[in-house]
C-alpha atoms as a PDB file:
ATOM      1  CA  MET A   1      -1.058  -8.697  14.606  1.00  0.00           C
ATOM      2  CA  GLU A   2       1.482  -5.522  16.921  1.00  0.00           C
ATOM      3  CA  SER A   3       3.465  -3.163  15.656  1.00  0.00           C
ATOM      4  CA  ASN A   4       6.375  -4.706  17.275  1.00  0.00           C
ATOM      5  CA  PHE A   5       6.762  -7.360  14.049  1.00  0.00           C
ATOM      6  CA  TRP A   6       7.467  -4.683  11.623  1.00  0.00           C
ATOM      7  CA  HIS A   7       9.806  -2.448  13.897  1.00  0.00           C
ATOM      8  CA  GLU A   8      11.291  -6.010  14.231  1.00  0.00           C
ATOM      9  CA  ARG A   9      11.198  -7.399   9.860  1.00  0.00           C
ATOM     10  CA  TRP A  10      12.590  -4.378   9.241  1.00  0.00           C
ATOM     11  CA  GLU A  11      15.168  -4.395  11.970  1.00  0.00           C
ATOM     12  CA  LYS A  12      16.690  -7.604  10.282  1.00  0.00           C
ATOM     13  CA  ASN A  13      15.823  -6.915   6.860  1.00  0.00           C
ATOM     14  CA  GLU A  14      13.947  -9.752   7.032  1.00  0.00           C
ATOM     15  CA  ILE A  15      11.747  -7.688   3.988  1.00  0.00           C
ATOM     16  CA  GLY A  16      11.378  -9.965   1.162  1.00  0.00           C
ATOM     17  CA  PHE A  17       7.900  -7.901   0.317  1.00  0.00           C
ATOM     18  CA  HIS A  18       9.865  -4.886  -0.637  1.00  0.00           C
ATOM     19  CA  LYS A  19      10.747  -4.914  -4.249  1.00  0.00           C
ATOM     20  CA  SER A  20      13.181  -3.272  -5.566  1.00  0.00           C
ATOM     21  CA  GLU A  21      12.594  -2.237  -9.480  1.00  0.00           C
ATOM     22  CA  PHE A  22       8.853  -0.149 -10.232  1.00  0.00           C
ATOM     23  CA  HIS A  23       5.640  -2.371  -9.728  1.00  0.00           C
ATOM     24  CA  PRO A  24       4.615  -3.154 -13.199  1.00  0.00           C
ATOM     25  CA  PHE A  25       1.166  -3.739 -11.681  1.00  0.00           C
ATOM     26  CA  LEU A  26       1.518  -0.282 -10.824  1.00  0.00           C
ATOM     27  CA  GLN A  27       2.775   0.289 -13.884  1.00  0.00           C
ATOM     28  CA  GLN A  28       0.328  -0.648 -15.914  1.00  0.00           C
ATOM     29  CA  TYR A  29      -2.824  -0.053 -14.529  1.00  0.00           C
ATOM     30  CA  TRP A  30      -2.791   3.638 -12.680  1.00  0.00           C
ATOM     31  CA  PRO A  31      -3.653   4.886 -16.221  1.00  0.00           C
ATOM     32  CA  SER A  32      -6.520   4.013 -15.942  1.00  0.00           C
ATOM     33  CA  LEU A  33      -8.063   5.687 -13.302  1.00  0.00           C
ATOM     34  CA  ASN A  34      -7.090   8.458 -15.039  1.00  0.00           C
ATOM     35  CA  ILE A  35      -5.228  10.998 -12.227  1.00  0.00           C
ATOM     36  CA  PRO A  36      -4.746  14.591 -13.501  1.00  0.00           C
ATOM     37  CA  GLN A  37      -0.892  15.699 -12.959  1.00  0.00           C
ATOM     38  CA  SER A  38      -0.223  17.515 -10.144  1.00  0.00           C
ATOM     39  CA  SER A  39      -2.547  15.919  -8.495  1.00  0.00           C
ATOM     40  CA  SER A  40      -1.933  14.444  -4.586  1.00  0.00           C
ATOM     41  CA  VAL A  41      -2.246  10.482  -4.226  1.00  0.00           C
ATOM     42  CA  PHE A  42      -1.786   7.780  -1.335  1.00  0.00           C
ATOM     43  CA  VAL A  43       0.727   5.258  -0.530  1.00  0.00           C
ATOM     44  CA  PRO A  44      -0.346   3.574   3.161  1.00  0.00           C
ATOM     45  CA  LEU A  45       2.130   1.136   4.787  1.00  0.00           C
ATOM     46  CA  CYS A  46       4.436   2.482   1.548  1.00  0.00           C
ATOM     47  CA  GLY A  47       7.686   1.343   3.197  1.00  0.00           C
ATOM     48  CA  LYS A  48      10.585   1.714   0.947  1.00  0.00           C
ATOM     49  CA  SER A  49       8.540   1.478  -2.103  1.00  0.00           C
ATOM     50  CA  ARG A  50      10.178   2.713  -5.407  1.00  0.00           C
ATOM     51  CA  ASP A  51       6.618   2.847  -6.463  1.00  0.00           C
ATOM     52  CA  LEU A  52       6.997   6.820  -4.538  1.00  0.00           C
ATOM     53  CA  LEU A  53       9.529   7.435  -7.144  1.00  0.00           C
ATOM     54  CA  TRP A  54       8.076   6.480 -10.340  1.00  0.00           C
ATOM     55  CA  LEU A  55       3.989   8.395  -9.336  1.00  0.00           C
ATOM     56  CA  ARG A  56       6.396  11.322  -8.239  1.00  0.00           C
ATOM     57  CA  ASN A  57       7.792  11.161 -11.882  1.00  0.00           C
ATOM     58  CA  GLN A  58       4.367  10.792 -13.216  1.00  0.00           C
ATOM     59  CA  GLY A  59       4.083  14.675 -12.106  1.00  0.00           C
ATOM     60  CA  LEU A  60       2.157  13.669  -9.151  1.00  0.00           C
ATOM     61  CA  ASN A  61       2.659  14.893  -5.571  1.00  0.00           C
ATOM     62  CA  VAL A  62       3.232  11.356  -3.453  1.00  0.00           C
ATOM     63  CA  ILE A  63       1.702  11.312  -0.167  1.00  0.00           C
ATOM     64  CA  GLY A  64       2.579   7.854   1.942  1.00  0.00           C
ATOM     65  CA  VAL A  65       2.596   6.757   5.296  1.00  0.00           C
ATOM     66  CA  GLU A  66       5.386   4.239   7.036  1.00  0.00           C
ATOM     67  CA  LEU A  67       5.051   2.946  10.540  1.00  0.00           C
ATOM     68  CA  SER A  68       8.615   1.514  10.212  1.00  0.00           C
ATOM     69  CA  GLN A  69      11.319   4.732  11.501  1.00  0.00           C
ATOM     70  CA  ARG A  70      14.368   2.298   9.642  1.00  0.00           C
ATOM     71  CA  ALA A  71      12.129   1.547   6.381  1.00  0.00           C
ATOM     72  CA  VAL A  72      11.547   6.152   6.251  1.00  0.00           C
ATOM     73  CA  GLU A  73      14.700   6.442   6.667  1.00  0.00           C
ATOM     74  CA  ASP A  74      16.058   4.033   4.617  1.00  0.00           C
ATOM     75  CA  PHE A  75      14.587   5.113   1.891  1.00  0.00           C
ATOM     76  CA  PHE A  76      15.747   9.173   1.293  1.00  0.00           C
ATOM     77  CA  ALA A  77      18.783   7.714   2.661  1.00  0.00           C
ATOM     78  CA  GLU A  78      18.718   5.088  -0.554  1.00  0.00           C
ATOM     79  CA  ASN A  79      16.925   7.307  -3.137  1.00  0.00           C
ATOM     80  CA  ASP A  80      19.677  10.087  -2.409  1.00  0.00           C
ATOM     81  CA  LEU A  81      16.942  12.374  -1.066  1.00  0.00           C
ATOM     82  CA  THR A  82      16.678  14.485   1.241  1.00  0.00           C
ATOM     83  CA  ALA A  83      13.801  15.145   3.843  1.00  0.00           C
ATOM     84  CA  LYS A  84      13.141  18.065   6.033  1.00  0.00           C
ATOM     85  CA  VAL A  85      11.611  16.520   9.032  1.00  0.00           C
ATOM     86  CA  THR A  86       9.037  17.756  11.029  1.00  0.00           C
ATOM     87  CA  GLN A  87       6.139  16.621  14.034  1.00  0.00           C
ATOM     88  CA  PRO A  88       3.006  18.785  13.712  1.00  0.00           C
ATOM     89  CA  GLY A  89       1.023  16.173  15.688  1.00  0.00           C
ATOM     90  CA  GLU A  90       1.058  12.362  16.844  1.00  0.00           C
ATOM     91  CA  LEU A  91       3.482  11.328  13.475  1.00  0.00           C
ATOM     92  CA  ILE A  92       6.462  12.370  12.168  1.00  0.00           C
ATOM     93  CA  ARG A  93       6.461  13.748   8.884  1.00  0.00           C
ATOM     94  CA  TYR A  94       9.988  13.477   6.065  1.00  0.00           C
ATOM     95  CA  GLU A  95       9.127  15.578   3.616  1.00  0.00           C
ATOM     96  CA  SER A  96      10.804  16.416  -0.615  1.00  0.00           C
ATOM     97  CA  PRO A  97       9.869  17.713  -2.913  1.00  0.00           C
ATOM     98  CA  GLY A  98       6.807  15.984  -4.337  1.00  0.00           C
ATOM     99  CA  ILE A  99       7.154  13.186  -1.577  1.00  0.00           C
ATOM    100  CA  ARG A 100       5.464  13.259   2.264  1.00  0.00           C
ATOM    101  CA  ILE A 101       5.617  10.403   4.314  1.00  0.00           C
ATOM    102  CA  PHE A 102       3.902  10.541   7.280  1.00  0.00           C
ATOM    103  CA  CYS A 103       5.545   7.746  10.272  1.00  0.00           C
ATOM    104  CA  GLY A 104       3.886   6.528  13.092  1.00  0.00           C
ATOM    105  CA  ASP A 105       0.557   4.599  13.580  1.00  0.00           C
ATOM    106  CA  PHE A 106      -1.900   4.130  10.112  1.00  0.00           C
ATOM    107  CA  PHE A 107      -4.681   5.109  12.480  1.00  0.00           C
ATOM    108  CA  LYS A 108      -3.735   7.909  13.477  1.00  0.00           C
ATOM    109  CA  LEU A 109      -3.825   9.385   9.887  1.00  0.00           C
ATOM    110  CA  THR A 110      -6.861  11.454   9.596  1.00  0.00           C
ATOM    111  CA  ALA A 111      -8.325  13.308   6.402  1.00  0.00           C
ATOM    112  CA  ALA A 112      -6.665  16.600   6.444  1.00  0.00           C
ATOM    113  CA  ASP A 113      -3.267  14.485   6.523  1.00  0.00           C
ATOM    114  CA  LEU A 114      -4.925  13.547   3.161  1.00  0.00           C
ATOM    115  CA  THR A 115      -6.363  16.491   1.613  1.00  0.00           C
ATOM    116  CA  GLY A 116      -7.069  16.726  -1.620  1.00  0.00           C
ATOM    117  CA  VAL A 117      -6.154  13.325  -2.553  1.00  0.00           C
ATOM    118  CA  THR A 118      -7.682  11.560  -5.475  1.00  0.00           C
ATOM    119  CA  GLY A 119      -5.547   7.897  -5.534  1.00  0.00           C
ATOM    120  CA  VAL A 120      -4.645   5.100  -3.913  1.00  0.00           C
ATOM    121  CA  PHE A 121      -2.031   2.418  -4.659  1.00  0.00           C
ATOM    122  CA  ASP A 122      -2.303  -0.102  -2.165  1.00  0.00           C
ATOM    123  CA  ARG A 123       0.216  -2.818  -3.306  1.00  0.00           C
ATOM    124  CA  ALA A 124       0.842  -4.180   0.102  1.00  0.00           C
ATOM    125  CA  SER A 125      -1.412  -3.013   2.801  1.00  0.00           C
ATOM    126  CA  LEU A 126      -4.572  -4.844   2.798  1.00  0.00           C
ATOM    127  CA  VAL A 127      -2.630  -7.905   2.416  1.00  0.00           C
ATOM    128  CA  ALA A 128       0.098  -7.373   4.637  1.00  0.00           C
ATOM    129  CA  LEU A 129      -3.080  -7.366   7.874  1.00  0.00           C
ATOM    130  CA  PRO A 130      -5.384 -10.132   8.805  1.00  0.00           C
ATOM    131  CA  PRO A 131      -8.665 -10.603   8.814  1.00  0.00           C
ATOM    132  CA  ALA A 132      -9.608  -8.498  11.954  1.00  0.00           C
ATOM    133  CA  MET A 133      -7.141  -5.495  11.181  1.00  0.00           C
ATOM    134  CA  ARG A 134      -8.432  -5.679   7.304  1.00  0.00           C
ATOM    135  CA  ARG A 135     -11.903  -4.774   8.445  1.00  0.00           C
ATOM    136  CA  ASP A 136     -10.613  -2.068  10.885  1.00  0.00           C
ATOM    137  CA  TYR A 137      -8.246  -0.530   7.838  1.00  0.00           C
ATOM    138  CA  ALA A 138     -11.698  -0.509   5.147  1.00  0.00           C
ATOM    139  CA  SER A 139     -12.731   1.379   7.520  1.00  0.00           C
ATOM    140  CA  HIS A 140     -10.409   3.910   8.003  1.00  0.00           C
ATOM    141  CA  MET A 141      -9.918   4.620   4.059  1.00  0.00           C
ATOM    142  CA  GLN A 142     -13.445   4.994   3.890  1.00  0.00           C
ATOM    143  CA  HIS A 143     -13.357   7.936   6.933  1.00  0.00           C
ATOM    144  CA  ILE A 144      -9.926   9.547   5.794  1.00  0.00           C
ATOM    145  CA  LEU A 145     -11.068   9.328   2.315  1.00  0.00           C
ATOM    146  CA  PRO A 146     -12.041  12.206  -0.102  1.00  0.00           C
ATOM    147  CA  PRO A 147     -15.106  10.726  -2.281  1.00  0.00           C
ATOM    148  CA  GLY A 148     -14.248  10.352  -5.374  1.00  0.00           C
ATOM    149  CA  THR A 149     -10.960   8.605  -4.072  1.00  0.00           C
ATOM    150  CA  LYS A 150      -9.491   6.167  -6.925  1.00  0.00           C
ATOM    151  CA  THR A 151      -7.435   3.497  -5.409  1.00  0.00           C
ATOM    152  CA  LEU A 152      -5.481   0.329  -7.436  1.00  0.00           C
ATOM    153  CA  LEU A 153      -5.398  -2.176  -4.993  1.00  0.00           C
ATOM    154  CA  VAL A 154      -3.557  -5.668  -5.619  1.00  0.00           C
ATOM    155  CA  CYS A 155      -4.132  -8.585  -3.789  1.00  0.00           C
ATOM    156  CA  PHE A 156      -2.242 -12.043  -3.287  1.00  0.00           C
ATOM    157  CA  ALA A 157      -5.201 -15.223  -3.121  1.00  0.00           C
ATOM    158  CA  TYR A 158      -4.314 -18.603  -2.149  1.00  0.00           C
ATOM    159  CA  PRO A 159      -5.610 -22.244  -0.197  1.00  0.00           C
ATOM    160  CA  GLN A 160      -5.005 -19.909   3.153  1.00  0.00           C
ATOM    161  CA  GLU A 161      -4.307 -23.132   4.904  1.00  0.00           C
ATOM    162  CA  GLN A 162      -1.432 -24.294   3.013  1.00  0.00           C
ATOM    163  CA  MET A 163       0.706 -20.778   4.109  1.00  0.00           C
ATOM    164  CA  ASP A 164       0.842 -18.530   6.921  1.00  0.00           C
ATOM    165  CA  GLY A 165       0.532 -14.872   6.371  1.00  0.00           C
ATOM    166  CA  PRO A 166       1.638 -12.049   5.737  1.00  0.00           C
ATOM    167  CA  PRO A 167       0.892 -11.962   2.972  1.00  0.00           C
ATOM    168  CA  PHE A 168      -2.382 -13.497   3.455  1.00  0.00           C
ATOM    169  CA  SER A 169      -4.365 -14.454   0.811  1.00  0.00           C
ATOM    170  CA  VAL A 170      -7.532 -11.855   0.009  1.00  0.00           C
ATOM    171  CA  GLU A 171     -10.587 -13.365  -1.868  1.00  0.00           C
ATOM    172  CA  GLU A 172     -12.518 -11.289  -4.202  1.00  0.00           C
ATOM    173  CA  ALA A 173     -15.382 -12.324  -2.058  1.00  0.00           C
ATOM    174  CA  GLU A 174     -13.458 -10.074   0.666  1.00  0.00           C
ATOM    175  CA  VAL A 175     -12.445  -7.184  -1.109  1.00  0.00           C
ATOM    176  CA  HIS A 176     -16.187  -6.736  -2.029  1.00  0.00           C
ATOM    177  CA  ALA A 177     -17.254  -7.716   1.244  1.00  0.00           C
ATOM    178  CA  LEU A 178     -14.717  -4.696   3.109  1.00  0.00           C
ATOM    179  CA  PHE A 179     -15.250  -1.843   0.612  1.00  0.00           C
ATOM    180  CA  ALA A 180     -18.007  -2.722  -2.019  1.00  0.00           C
ATOM    181  CA  PRO A 181     -20.070  -0.499   0.561  1.00  0.00           C
ATOM    182  CA  ALA A 182     -18.839   2.632  -0.102  1.00  0.00           C
ATOM    183  CA  SER A 183     -17.202   2.225  -3.258  1.00  0.00           C
ATOM    184  CA  GLU A 184     -17.716   0.950  -6.651  1.00  0.00           C
ATOM    185  CA  VAL A 185     -15.396  -2.424  -6.862  1.00  0.00           C
ATOM    186  CA  THR A 186     -14.442  -3.193 -10.160  1.00  0.00           C
ATOM    187  CA  PHE A 187     -11.630  -6.204 -10.872  1.00  0.00           C
ATOM    188  CA  LEU A 188      -9.231  -5.135 -13.607  1.00  0.00           C
ATOM    189  CA  ALA A 189      -7.240  -9.057 -13.823  1.00  0.00           C
ATOM    190  CA  GLN A 190      -5.573 -11.804 -12.487  1.00  0.00           C
ATOM    191  CA  PHE A 191      -2.411 -12.934 -13.120  1.00  0.00           C
ATOM    192  CA  ASP A 192      -0.144 -16.437 -12.066  1.00  0.00           C
ATOM    193  CA  ALA A 193       1.690 -15.917  -9.826  1.00  0.00           C
ATOM    194  CA  LEU A 194       3.482 -19.357  -8.094  1.00  0.00           C
ATOM    195  CA  ASP A 195       6.280 -19.395 -10.764  1.00  0.00           C
ATOM    196  CA  ASN A 196       7.384 -15.358 -10.582  1.00  0.00           C
ATOM    197  CA  GLU A 197       7.386 -15.929  -6.354  1.00  0.00           C
ATOM    198  CA  PRO A 198       9.923 -19.609  -5.687  1.00  0.00           C
ATOM    199  CA  ARG A 199       9.709 -17.994  -1.864  1.00  0.00           C
ATOM    200  CA  PHE A 200       5.742 -19.482  -1.306  1.00  0.00           C
ATOM    201  CA  LYS A 201       5.882 -22.682  -3.070  1.00  0.00           C
ATOM    202  CA  GLN A 202       8.979 -23.122  -0.728  1.00  0.00           C
ATOM    203  CA  ARG A 203       6.407 -22.915   2.087  1.00  0.00           C
ATOM    204  CA  GLY A 204       3.909 -24.926   0.279  1.00  0.00           C
ATOM    205  CA  LEU A 205       1.797 -22.402  -2.007  1.00  0.00           C
ATOM    206  CA  THR A 206      -0.324 -24.992  -4.363  1.00  0.00           C
ATOM    207  CA  ARG A 207      -1.949 -21.452  -6.185  1.00  0.00           C
ATOM    208  CA  LEU A 208      -1.426 -18.022  -6.246  1.00  0.00           C
ATOM    209  CA  HIS A 209      -3.631 -15.521  -8.385  1.00  0.00           C
ATOM    210  CA  GLU A 210      -2.041 -11.027  -7.811  1.00  0.00           C
ATOM    211  CA  LYS A 211      -5.598 -10.134  -8.263  1.00  0.00           C
ATOM    212  CA  ILE A 212      -6.050  -6.561  -9.429  1.00  0.00           C
ATOM    213  CA  PHE A 213      -8.533  -4.398  -8.437  1.00  0.00           C
ATOM    214  CA  GLN A 214     -10.280  -0.047  -9.058  1.00  0.00           C
ATOM    215  CA  LEU A 215     -11.803   0.757  -6.116  1.00  0.00           C
ATOM    216  CA  ARG A 216     -13.827   4.662  -6.675  1.00  0.00           C
ATOM    217  CA  TYR A 217     -14.892   6.079  -2.936  1.00  0.00           C
ATOM    218  CA  ARG A 218     -18.472   7.175  -2.940  1.00  0.00           C
END
């Protein structure tokens, strides 16, 4: 899966993964992480998600990373935010009060970029990646996140042979295989999501669960 795939999706506005409302699992389960106000939190592969606004409204400093410049610029424009744009390194940095988004390759992000981060919300990152890239993603997260960082992770689980990703199916066993060596993995909840996702029914799915996990990096 090359970067051109995602650039093309954004240019064609083929972004069924984007939600115009705050994610209900974020609102329901984020408080369980006990992230102090004024902390920095990270949203990988954030697109133009309005969840960034919800987190900022909780008194948090939000850091995102997104490949598509179109998505980043749309986020600020659609939410009437003025961004200061700089490029101190390989990534372009868009910044407004309480929100900073790095535009470019996630794998170029460094630990210095995430200094002070205590929480992560991953709703659309891990499931956006095919298996080999998921392993690289998990490894990179372990290298750039400070010890003790807590993550709220939302995954889809479905019979992978019934539908090509993205989003890809990530079962609980894989979450443990990817993250347990470097973090504590806690299963929080599972919900039947098929009736809420008719586009996936149309693609042939007969089962679709959303699973929520908490990770704590050692």
